N, C-alpha and C. Protein backbone atom coordinates (compact mmCIF):
# COMPACT_ATOMS: atom_id res chain seq x y z
N UNK A 1 -175.48 -132.75 -72.63
CA UNK A 1 -176.43 -133.17 -71.91
C UNK A 1 -176.07 -133.87 -70.68
N UNK A 2 -174.85 -134.35 -70.59
CA UNK A 2 -174.55 -135.16 -69.34
C UNK A 2 -174.46 -134.45 -68.38
N UNK A 3 -174.10 -133.16 -67.91
CA UNK A 3 -174.13 -132.35 -66.84
C UNK A 3 -175.93 -132.30 -66.48
N UNK A 4 -176.77 -132.20 -67.22
CA UNK A 4 -178.10 -132.01 -66.83
C UNK A 4 -178.69 -133.62 -66.56
N UNK A 5 -178.22 -134.48 -66.84
CA UNK A 5 -178.66 -136.10 -66.64
C UNK A 5 -178.08 -136.10 -65.32
N UNK A 6 -176.69 -135.58 -64.69
CA UNK A 6 -176.31 -135.66 -63.41
C UNK A 6 -177.18 -134.81 -62.63
N UNK A 7 -177.35 -133.65 -62.83
CA UNK A 7 -178.52 -132.85 -62.10
C UNK A 7 -179.58 -133.65 -61.74
N UNK A 8 -180.28 -133.98 -62.94
CA UNK A 8 -181.50 -134.77 -62.65
C UNK A 8 -181.20 -135.80 -61.54
N UNK A 9 -180.35 -136.54 -61.72
CA UNK A 9 -179.81 -137.66 -60.79
C UNK A 9 -179.76 -137.08 -59.32
N UNK A 10 -179.08 -136.13 -59.37
CA UNK A 10 -178.63 -135.51 -58.01
C UNK A 10 -179.84 -135.17 -57.19
N UNK A 11 -180.77 -134.51 -58.04
CA UNK A 11 -182.22 -133.99 -57.37
C UNK A 11 -183.17 -134.99 -57.51
N UNK A 12 -183.00 -136.13 -57.96
CA UNK A 12 -184.27 -137.03 -58.17
C UNK A 12 -184.96 -137.22 -56.87
N UNK A 13 -184.69 -137.17 -55.62
CA UNK A 13 -185.74 -137.31 -54.55
C UNK A 13 -186.55 -135.91 -54.21
N UNK A 14 -186.07 -134.73 -54.57
CA UNK A 14 -186.49 -133.57 -54.66
C UNK A 14 -187.69 -133.80 -55.61
N UNK A 15 -187.29 -134.16 -56.89
CA UNK A 15 -188.10 -134.12 -57.74
C UNK A 15 -189.54 -134.92 -57.54
N UNK A 16 -189.27 -135.99 -56.81
CA UNK A 16 -190.12 -137.02 -56.54
C UNK A 16 -191.20 -136.45 -55.72
N UNK A 17 -190.65 -135.57 -54.69
CA UNK A 17 -191.26 -135.01 -53.73
C UNK A 17 -192.19 -133.85 -54.28
N UNK A 18 -191.60 -133.15 -54.89
CA UNK A 18 -192.42 -132.04 -55.94
C UNK A 18 -193.66 -132.68 -56.49
N UNK A 19 -193.35 -133.56 -57.27
CA UNK A 19 -194.24 -134.37 -57.99
C UNK A 19 -195.50 -134.95 -57.23
N UNK A 20 -194.80 -135.44 -55.90
CA UNK A 20 -196.04 -135.81 -55.03
C UNK A 20 -197.08 -134.63 -54.51
N UNK A 21 -196.56 -133.60 -54.49
CA UNK A 21 -196.96 -132.30 -53.83
C UNK A 21 -197.84 -131.94 -55.12
N UNK A 22 -197.91 -131.86 -56.32
CA UNK A 22 -198.44 -131.64 -57.20
C UNK A 22 -199.74 -132.68 -57.54
N UNK A 23 -199.36 -133.94 -57.28
CA UNK A 23 -200.34 -134.80 -57.51
C UNK A 23 -201.59 -134.74 -56.47
N UNK A 24 -201.36 -133.83 -55.46
CA UNK A 24 -202.17 -133.69 -54.35
C UNK A 24 -203.32 -132.78 -54.80
N UNK A 25 -203.39 -132.17 -55.69
CA UNK A 25 -204.48 -131.15 -56.28
C UNK A 25 -205.51 -131.85 -56.93
N UNK A 26 -206.56 -131.83 -55.87
CA UNK A 26 -207.84 -132.71 -57.02
C UNK A 26 -208.26 -131.70 -58.01
N UNK A 27 -207.72 -131.54 -58.91
CA UNK A 27 -207.87 -130.67 -60.12
C UNK A 27 -208.86 -131.55 -61.19
N UNK A 28 -210.15 -131.74 -60.88
CA UNK A 28 -210.79 -132.43 -61.66
C UNK A 28 -211.64 -131.51 -62.45
N UNK A 29 -211.47 -131.09 -63.56
CA UNK A 29 -212.25 -130.09 -64.30
C UNK A 29 -213.24 -130.35 -64.77
N UNK A 30 -214.10 -131.48 -64.34
CA UNK A 30 -215.55 -131.58 -64.99
C UNK A 30 -216.19 -131.66 -63.82
N UNK A 31 -215.77 -131.28 -62.63
CA UNK A 31 -216.80 -131.00 -61.38
C UNK A 31 -216.66 -129.47 -61.13
N UNK A 32 -217.93 -128.85 -61.30
CA UNK A 32 -217.76 -127.43 -60.91
C UNK A 32 -217.39 -127.30 -59.62
N UNK A 33 -217.83 -127.97 -58.93
CA UNK A 33 -217.68 -128.11 -57.18
C UNK A 33 -215.84 -127.68 -56.79
N UNK A 34 -215.04 -128.46 -57.71
CA UNK A 34 -213.83 -128.23 -57.34
C UNK A 34 -213.03 -127.27 -58.57
N UNK A 35 -213.89 -126.35 -59.07
CA UNK A 35 -213.27 -125.44 -60.14
C UNK A 35 -212.00 -124.32 -59.17
N UNK A 36 -212.31 -124.24 -58.02
CA UNK A 36 -211.23 -123.29 -57.50
C UNK A 36 -209.66 -124.11 -57.39
N UNK A 37 -210.04 -125.61 -56.90
CA UNK A 37 -209.04 -126.59 -56.71
C UNK A 37 -208.27 -126.51 -58.24
N UNK A 38 -209.01 -126.42 -59.45
CA UNK A 38 -208.14 -126.22 -60.47
C UNK A 38 -207.21 -125.27 -60.76
N UNK A 39 -207.98 -124.14 -60.34
CA UNK A 39 -207.29 -122.78 -60.21
C UNK A 39 -206.19 -122.73 -59.36
N UNK A 40 -206.41 -123.28 -58.20
CA UNK A 40 -205.13 -123.31 -57.15
C UNK A 40 -204.16 -124.34 -57.87
N UNK A 41 -204.29 -125.52 -58.84
CA UNK A 41 -203.43 -126.22 -59.23
C UNK A 41 -202.61 -125.52 -60.34
N UNK A 42 -203.39 -124.81 -61.04
CA UNK A 42 -202.88 -124.07 -61.87
C UNK A 42 -201.82 -122.78 -61.45
N UNK A 43 -201.99 -122.10 -60.48
CA UNK A 43 -201.49 -121.25 -59.88
C UNK A 43 -200.03 -122.17 -59.20
N UNK A 44 -200.10 -122.98 -58.73
CA UNK A 44 -199.29 -123.95 -58.06
C UNK A 44 -198.02 -124.30 -59.12
N UNK A 45 -198.59 -124.71 -60.33
CA UNK A 45 -197.67 -124.78 -61.11
C UNK A 45 -196.88 -123.71 -61.76
N UNK A 46 -197.91 -122.59 -61.72
CA UNK A 46 -196.93 -121.32 -62.43
C UNK A 46 -195.98 -120.87 -61.72
N UNK A 47 -196.18 -120.99 -60.12
CA UNK A 47 -195.13 -120.63 -59.36
C UNK A 47 -193.81 -121.44 -59.50
N UNK A 48 -194.06 -122.80 -59.53
CA UNK A 48 -193.24 -124.10 -59.58
C UNK A 48 -192.29 -123.53 -60.74
N UNK A 49 -193.04 -123.46 -62.19
CA UNK A 49 -191.97 -123.00 -63.36
C UNK A 49 -191.33 -121.63 -63.11
N UNK A 50 -191.68 -120.80 -62.32
CA UNK A 50 -190.88 -119.74 -61.85
C UNK A 50 -189.68 -120.18 -60.99
N UNK A 51 -190.17 -120.94 -60.07
CA UNK A 51 -188.80 -121.67 -59.03
C UNK A 51 -187.82 -122.36 -59.91
N UNK A 52 -188.03 -122.88 -60.81
CA UNK A 52 -187.21 -123.50 -61.58
C UNK A 52 -186.28 -122.89 -62.52
N UNK A 53 -186.62 -121.50 -62.89
CA UNK A 53 -185.96 -120.86 -63.55
C UNK A 53 -186.25 -120.31 -64.89
N UNK A 54 -187.88 -120.80 -65.25
CA UNK A 54 -188.49 -120.17 -66.24
C UNK A 54 -188.26 -118.83 -66.35
N UNK A 55 -187.81 -118.24 -67.35
CA UNK A 55 -188.16 -116.78 -67.15
C UNK A 55 -189.46 -115.74 -67.43
N UNK A 56 -190.34 -116.47 -68.30
CA UNK A 56 -191.50 -115.86 -68.11
C UNK A 56 -192.73 -116.53 -68.18
N UNK A 57 -193.51 -116.50 -67.23
CA UNK A 57 -194.51 -117.70 -66.84
C UNK A 57 -196.00 -116.62 -66.38
N UNK A 58 -197.07 -116.81 -67.26
CA UNK A 58 -198.43 -116.20 -67.20
C UNK A 58 -199.53 -117.24 -67.18
N UNK A 59 -200.33 -116.89 -66.15
CA UNK A 59 -201.67 -117.43 -66.13
C UNK A 59 -203.00 -116.88 -66.64
N UNK A 60 -203.63 -117.40 -67.90
CA UNK A 60 -204.32 -116.70 -68.37
C UNK A 60 -205.74 -117.41 -68.02
N UNK A 61 -206.81 -116.68 -67.42
CA UNK A 61 -207.97 -116.97 -67.02
C UNK A 61 -208.57 -117.33 -68.49
N UNK A 62 -209.84 -118.34 -68.35
CA UNK A 62 -210.23 -118.33 -69.86
C UNK A 62 -211.87 -118.45 -69.13
N UNK A 63 -212.66 -118.75 -70.23
CA UNK A 63 -214.35 -119.18 -69.91
C UNK A 63 -214.31 -120.14 -69.18
N UNK A 64 -213.27 -120.98 -69.10
CA UNK A 64 -213.17 -122.29 -68.26
C UNK A 64 -212.22 -122.19 -67.12
N UNK A 65 -211.36 -123.32 -67.50
CA UNK A 65 -210.28 -123.15 -66.46
C UNK A 65 -208.98 -122.72 -66.94
N UNK A 66 -207.96 -121.93 -66.35
CA UNK A 66 -206.90 -121.13 -66.75
C UNK A 66 -206.01 -121.80 -67.69
N UNK A 67 -205.17 -121.31 -68.33
CA UNK A 67 -204.08 -121.74 -69.24
C UNK A 67 -202.96 -121.02 -68.85
N UNK A 68 -201.67 -122.11 -68.61
CA UNK A 68 -200.29 -121.38 -68.20
C UNK A 68 -199.55 -121.39 -69.53
N UNK A 69 -198.99 -120.13 -69.91
CA UNK A 69 -197.96 -120.12 -71.01
C UNK A 69 -196.67 -119.78 -70.46
N UNK A 70 -195.75 -120.42 -70.68
CA UNK A 70 -194.31 -120.22 -70.01
C UNK A 70 -193.34 -120.35 -71.04
N UNK A 71 -192.30 -119.45 -70.79
CA UNK A 71 -191.45 -119.42 -71.97
C UNK A 71 -190.05 -118.87 -71.74
N UNK A 72 -188.92 -119.66 -72.02
CA UNK A 72 -187.53 -119.48 -71.84
C UNK A 72 -186.78 -118.63 -73.16
N UNK A 73 -186.49 -117.81 -73.09
CA UNK A 73 -185.63 -117.05 -74.34
C UNK A 73 -184.47 -117.72 -74.77
N UNK A 74 -184.18 -118.04 -76.05
CA UNK A 74 -183.06 -118.30 -76.64
C UNK A 74 -182.68 -117.62 -77.70
N UNK A 75 -181.59 -117.66 -78.19
CA UNK A 75 -181.06 -116.83 -79.51
C UNK A 75 -181.93 -116.47 -80.59
N UNK A 76 -182.11 -115.36 -80.98
CA UNK A 76 -183.29 -114.91 -81.89
C UNK A 76 -183.08 -115.74 -83.15
N UNK A 77 -184.09 -115.86 -83.50
CA UNK A 77 -184.30 -117.00 -84.82
C UNK A 77 -183.67 -118.37 -84.55
N UNK A 78 -183.65 -118.84 -83.27
CA UNK A 78 -183.06 -120.18 -82.80
C UNK A 78 -184.47 -120.99 -82.87
N UNK A 79 -184.18 -122.41 -82.84
CA UNK A 79 -185.47 -123.34 -83.14
C UNK A 79 -186.55 -123.06 -81.63
N UNK A 80 -187.63 -123.46 -81.98
CA UNK A 80 -188.36 -123.32 -80.57
C UNK A 80 -188.96 -124.77 -80.18
N UNK A 81 -188.75 -124.97 -79.29
CA UNK A 81 -189.37 -126.43 -78.51
C UNK A 81 -190.54 -126.32 -78.08
N UNK A 82 -191.72 -126.69 -78.36
CA UNK A 82 -193.02 -126.50 -77.61
C UNK A 82 -193.46 -127.75 -76.95
N UNK A 83 -193.96 -127.41 -75.65
CA UNK A 83 -194.03 -128.63 -74.91
C UNK A 83 -195.57 -128.25 -74.50
N UNK A 84 -196.37 -129.39 -74.45
CA UNK A 84 -197.69 -129.20 -73.94
C UNK A 84 -197.87 -130.16 -72.98
N UNK A 85 -198.93 -129.83 -72.34
CA UNK A 85 -199.59 -130.78 -71.27
C UNK A 85 -200.86 -130.30 -70.51
N UNK A 86 -201.46 -130.93 -69.95
CA UNK A 86 -202.42 -130.83 -69.21
C UNK A 86 -202.54 -130.85 -67.68
N UNK A 87 -202.99 -130.43 -66.72
CA UNK A 87 -202.93 -130.39 -65.25
C UNK A 87 -204.06 -130.78 -64.70
N UNK A 88 -205.06 -130.91 -65.56
CA UNK A 88 -206.44 -131.57 -64.76
C UNK A 88 -206.56 -132.96 -65.01
N UNK A 89 -207.31 -133.42 -64.33
CA UNK A 89 -207.37 -134.85 -63.97
C UNK A 89 -208.90 -135.38 -64.20
N UNK A 90 -209.09 -136.48 -64.34
CA UNK A 90 -210.48 -137.12 -64.56
C UNK A 90 -210.83 -137.30 -63.21
N UNK A 91 -212.23 -137.56 -63.10
CA UNK A 91 -212.68 -137.83 -61.85
C UNK A 91 -212.34 -139.26 -61.28
N UNK A 92 -212.27 -139.45 -59.97
CA UNK A 92 -211.83 -140.49 -59.20
C UNK A 92 -212.76 -141.51 -59.18
N UNK A 93 -214.18 -141.33 -59.60
CA UNK A 93 -215.20 -142.45 -59.57
C UNK A 93 -214.49 -143.62 -60.41
N UNK A 94 -215.26 -144.94 -59.89
CA UNK A 94 -215.67 -145.22 -58.69
C UNK A 94 -214.41 -145.39 -57.71
N UNK A 95 -214.94 -144.57 -56.59
CA UNK A 95 -213.79 -144.54 -55.47
C UNK A 95 -213.50 -145.86 -54.84
N UNK A 96 -214.30 -146.73 -54.90
CA UNK A 96 -214.31 -148.02 -54.26
C UNK A 96 -213.25 -148.79 -54.88
N UNK A 97 -212.64 -148.39 -56.20
CA UNK A 97 -211.59 -149.19 -56.96
C UNK A 97 -210.48 -148.85 -56.66
N UNK A 98 -210.35 -147.66 -55.75
CA UNK A 98 -208.87 -147.22 -55.62
C UNK A 98 -208.23 -147.96 -54.32
N UNK A 99 -206.93 -148.40 -54.20
CA UNK A 99 -206.38 -149.19 -53.07
C UNK A 99 -206.10 -148.06 -52.08
N UNK A 100 -205.59 -146.81 -52.63
CA UNK A 100 -205.47 -145.78 -51.78
C UNK A 100 -206.16 -144.55 -52.06
N UNK A 101 -206.23 -143.33 -51.37
CA UNK A 101 -206.89 -142.30 -51.65
C UNK A 101 -206.15 -141.50 -53.12
N UNK A 102 -207.06 -141.00 -54.04
CA UNK A 102 -206.60 -140.95 -55.20
C UNK A 102 -205.81 -139.80 -55.29
N UNK A 103 -205.95 -138.67 -54.23
CA UNK A 103 -204.86 -137.43 -54.48
C UNK A 103 -204.32 -137.45 -53.06
N UNK A 104 -203.70 -138.58 -52.72
CA UNK A 104 -202.97 -138.84 -51.64
C UNK A 104 -201.86 -139.66 -51.94
N UNK A 105 -200.77 -139.27 -52.88
CA UNK A 105 -200.03 -140.10 -53.71
C UNK A 105 -199.41 -141.23 -52.97
N UNK A 106 -199.36 -142.17 -53.36
CA UNK A 106 -198.41 -143.59 -52.55
C UNK A 106 -197.44 -143.93 -53.71
N UNK A 107 -196.47 -144.37 -52.99
CA UNK A 107 -195.34 -145.31 -54.05
C UNK A 107 -195.40 -146.75 -53.47
N UNK A 108 -195.87 -147.38 -54.57
CA UNK A 108 -195.71 -148.78 -54.16
C UNK A 108 -194.79 -149.78 -55.22
N UNK A 109 -193.85 -150.26 -54.82
CA UNK A 109 -193.05 -151.14 -55.81
C UNK A 109 -192.44 -150.26 -56.63
N UNK A 110 -192.11 -149.13 -56.30
CA UNK A 110 -191.41 -148.07 -57.22
C UNK A 110 -192.43 -147.17 -58.11
N UNK A 111 -193.60 -147.63 -58.07
CA UNK A 111 -194.70 -146.70 -58.82
C UNK A 111 -195.15 -145.83 -58.16
N UNK A 112 -195.56 -144.82 -58.69
CA UNK A 112 -196.41 -143.61 -57.77
C UNK A 112 -197.99 -143.91 -58.36
N UNK A 113 -198.91 -144.05 -57.12
CA UNK A 113 -200.20 -144.19 -57.61
C UNK A 113 -200.94 -143.22 -56.80
N UNK A 114 -201.75 -142.12 -57.93
CA UNK A 114 -202.56 -141.20 -57.73
C UNK A 114 -203.34 -140.90 -58.79
N UNK A 115 -204.27 -140.03 -58.91
CA UNK A 115 -205.18 -139.65 -60.29
C UNK A 115 -204.01 -138.40 -60.51
N UNK A 116 -204.06 -138.82 -62.04
CA UNK A 116 -202.91 -137.80 -62.61
C UNK A 116 -201.46 -138.26 -62.76
N UNK A 117 -201.17 -139.35 -61.90
CA UNK A 117 -199.83 -139.73 -62.06
C UNK A 117 -199.65 -140.05 -63.51
N UNK A 118 -200.38 -140.76 -64.10
CA UNK A 118 -200.07 -141.04 -65.52
C UNK A 118 -200.71 -140.08 -66.57
N UNK A 119 -201.40 -139.75 -66.29
CA UNK A 119 -202.37 -138.88 -67.43
C UNK A 119 -202.74 -137.36 -66.67
N UNK A 120 -202.16 -136.41 -66.96
CA UNK A 120 -201.12 -136.17 -67.51
C UNK A 120 -200.03 -135.15 -66.95
N UNK A 121 -200.14 -135.12 -65.52
CA UNK A 121 -199.25 -134.56 -64.55
C UNK A 121 -197.88 -135.19 -64.38
N UNK A 122 -198.03 -136.51 -64.45
CA UNK A 122 -196.61 -137.37 -64.45
C UNK A 122 -195.69 -136.69 -65.47
N UNK A 123 -196.33 -136.70 -66.74
CA UNK A 123 -195.56 -136.65 -68.17
C UNK A 123 -195.03 -134.88 -68.16
N UNK A 124 -196.10 -134.31 -67.72
CA UNK A 124 -195.95 -132.78 -67.82
C UNK A 124 -195.01 -132.36 -67.27
N UNK A 125 -194.56 -133.16 -65.79
CA UNK A 125 -193.72 -132.81 -64.72
C UNK A 125 -192.49 -133.18 -65.11
N UNK A 126 -192.14 -134.39 -65.64
CA UNK A 126 -191.31 -134.78 -66.46
C UNK A 126 -190.55 -133.69 -67.39
N UNK A 127 -191.21 -133.21 -68.24
CA UNK A 127 -190.33 -131.96 -69.28
C UNK A 127 -190.41 -131.05 -68.30
N UNK A 128 -191.09 -130.46 -67.15
CA UNK A 128 -190.49 -129.27 -66.40
C UNK A 128 -189.27 -129.63 -65.61
N UNK A 129 -189.11 -130.83 -65.14
CA UNK A 129 -187.77 -131.17 -64.38
C UNK A 129 -186.62 -131.46 -65.41
N UNK A 130 -186.87 -131.67 -66.55
CA UNK A 130 -186.09 -132.02 -67.92
C UNK A 130 -185.59 -130.51 -68.05
N UNK A 131 -186.39 -129.72 -68.33
CA UNK A 131 -186.04 -128.14 -68.48
C UNK A 131 -185.29 -127.63 -67.34
N UNK A 132 -185.61 -127.72 -65.97
CA UNK A 132 -184.94 -127.32 -64.69
C UNK A 132 -183.56 -127.89 -64.78
N UNK A 133 -183.30 -128.96 -65.12
CA UNK A 133 -182.05 -129.96 -65.39
C UNK A 133 -181.17 -128.79 -66.12
N UNK A 134 -181.55 -128.86 -67.15
CA UNK A 134 -180.88 -128.20 -68.33
C UNK A 134 -180.75 -126.48 -67.95
N UNK A 135 -181.53 -126.12 -67.39
CA UNK A 135 -181.29 -124.40 -66.95
C UNK A 135 -180.54 -124.37 -66.10
N UNK A 136 -180.28 -125.38 -64.82
CA UNK A 136 -179.19 -125.35 -64.14
C UNK A 136 -177.97 -125.77 -64.48
N UNK A 137 -177.72 -126.22 -65.26
CA UNK A 137 -176.45 -126.81 -65.76
C UNK A 137 -175.85 -126.12 -66.81
N UNK A 138 -176.59 -125.39 -67.83
CA UNK A 138 -175.73 -124.65 -69.09
C UNK A 138 -175.94 -123.34 -69.01
N UNK A 139 -175.40 -122.43 -69.12
CA UNK A 139 -175.39 -120.71 -68.94
C UNK A 139 -176.13 -120.40 -70.03
N UNK A 140 -176.37 -121.02 -71.24
CA UNK A 140 -177.46 -120.61 -72.31
C UNK A 140 -177.57 -121.58 -73.09
N UNK A 141 -179.05 -121.49 -73.62
CA UNK A 141 -179.36 -122.42 -74.59
C UNK A 141 -179.48 -121.94 -75.95
N UNK A 142 -179.30 -122.88 -76.79
CA UNK A 142 -179.32 -122.68 -78.13
C UNK A 142 -180.74 -122.75 -78.83
N UNK A 143 -181.53 -122.95 -78.14
CA UNK A 143 -182.82 -123.12 -78.49
C UNK A 143 -183.91 -121.94 -77.64
N UNK A 144 -185.25 -121.92 -77.93
CA UNK A 144 -186.19 -121.33 -77.05
C UNK A 144 -187.18 -122.64 -76.84
N UNK A 145 -187.55 -122.09 -75.59
CA UNK A 145 -188.56 -123.40 -75.13
C UNK A 145 -189.83 -122.35 -74.66
N UNK A 146 -191.03 -123.25 -75.02
CA UNK A 146 -192.33 -122.57 -75.03
C UNK A 146 -193.38 -123.84 -74.28
N UNK A 147 -193.90 -123.33 -73.14
CA UNK A 147 -194.79 -124.30 -72.29
C UNK A 147 -196.23 -123.94 -72.63
N UNK A 148 -197.00 -125.09 -73.03
CA UNK A 148 -198.44 -124.53 -72.76
C UNK A 148 -199.24 -125.63 -72.17
N UNK A 149 -199.72 -125.18 -70.91
CA UNK A 149 -200.17 -126.20 -69.83
C UNK A 149 -201.81 -125.76 -69.75
N UNK A 150 -202.59 -126.43 -69.77
CA UNK A 150 -204.09 -126.03 -69.66
C UNK A 150 -204.55 -127.14 -68.76
N UNK A 151 -206.24 -126.71 -68.45
CA UNK A 151 -206.69 -127.25 -67.49
C UNK A 151 -208.21 -127.83 -67.88
N UNK A 152 -208.42 -128.22 -68.95
CA UNK A 152 -209.79 -128.34 -69.62
C UNK A 152 -209.57 -129.94 -70.69
N UNK A 153 -208.58 -130.42 -70.46
CA UNK A 153 -208.43 -131.54 -71.35
C UNK A 153 -209.31 -132.82 -70.99
N UNK A 154 -209.60 -132.79 -69.82
CA UNK A 154 -210.61 -134.08 -69.14
C UNK A 154 -211.67 -133.54 -68.85
N UNK A 155 -211.94 -132.09 -69.39
CA UNK A 155 -213.55 -131.79 -68.99
C UNK A 155 -214.74 -132.16 -69.13
N UNK A 156 -214.66 -133.03 -70.38
CA UNK A 156 -215.76 -134.01 -70.80
C UNK A 156 -215.89 -135.43 -70.22
N UNK A 157 -215.22 -135.83 -69.36
CA UNK A 157 -215.13 -137.23 -68.69
C UNK A 157 -215.76 -137.89 -67.76
N UNK A 158 -216.77 -136.72 -67.22
CA UNK A 158 -217.06 -137.18 -66.04
C UNK A 158 -218.69 -137.97 -66.38
């Protein structure tokens, strides 16, 4: 794991930049007027997963917002690590309480301020970058990795 941690540290600035780009999507699942932005966010995330080396990535349309399923194979019968997250966010109202625009991420005192930075885009993205770090430092994995990311966890919060 030491190599993966070193990779993470070496690419930290790019990882933060990628996260800031991800946080710019106003993927408010409860707002029908932003449905296309939720789809755009799902497409961006799926393409990002492909770019970091995940072997299989699919975006599945649903009756609501898309589900992303991604997997990276390991040895047959090896343990499977399942990673879950959601890329949708709560509505930003009341907007007057924000010190900066909710979909224009700002770093203040070492913390990122944006809608979704803490729930759940930030956590989801940490898993993605951990997997990227491992895939780029080891020839093979002793496990299978499966990821499910959905866009409706916050759908009833408006």
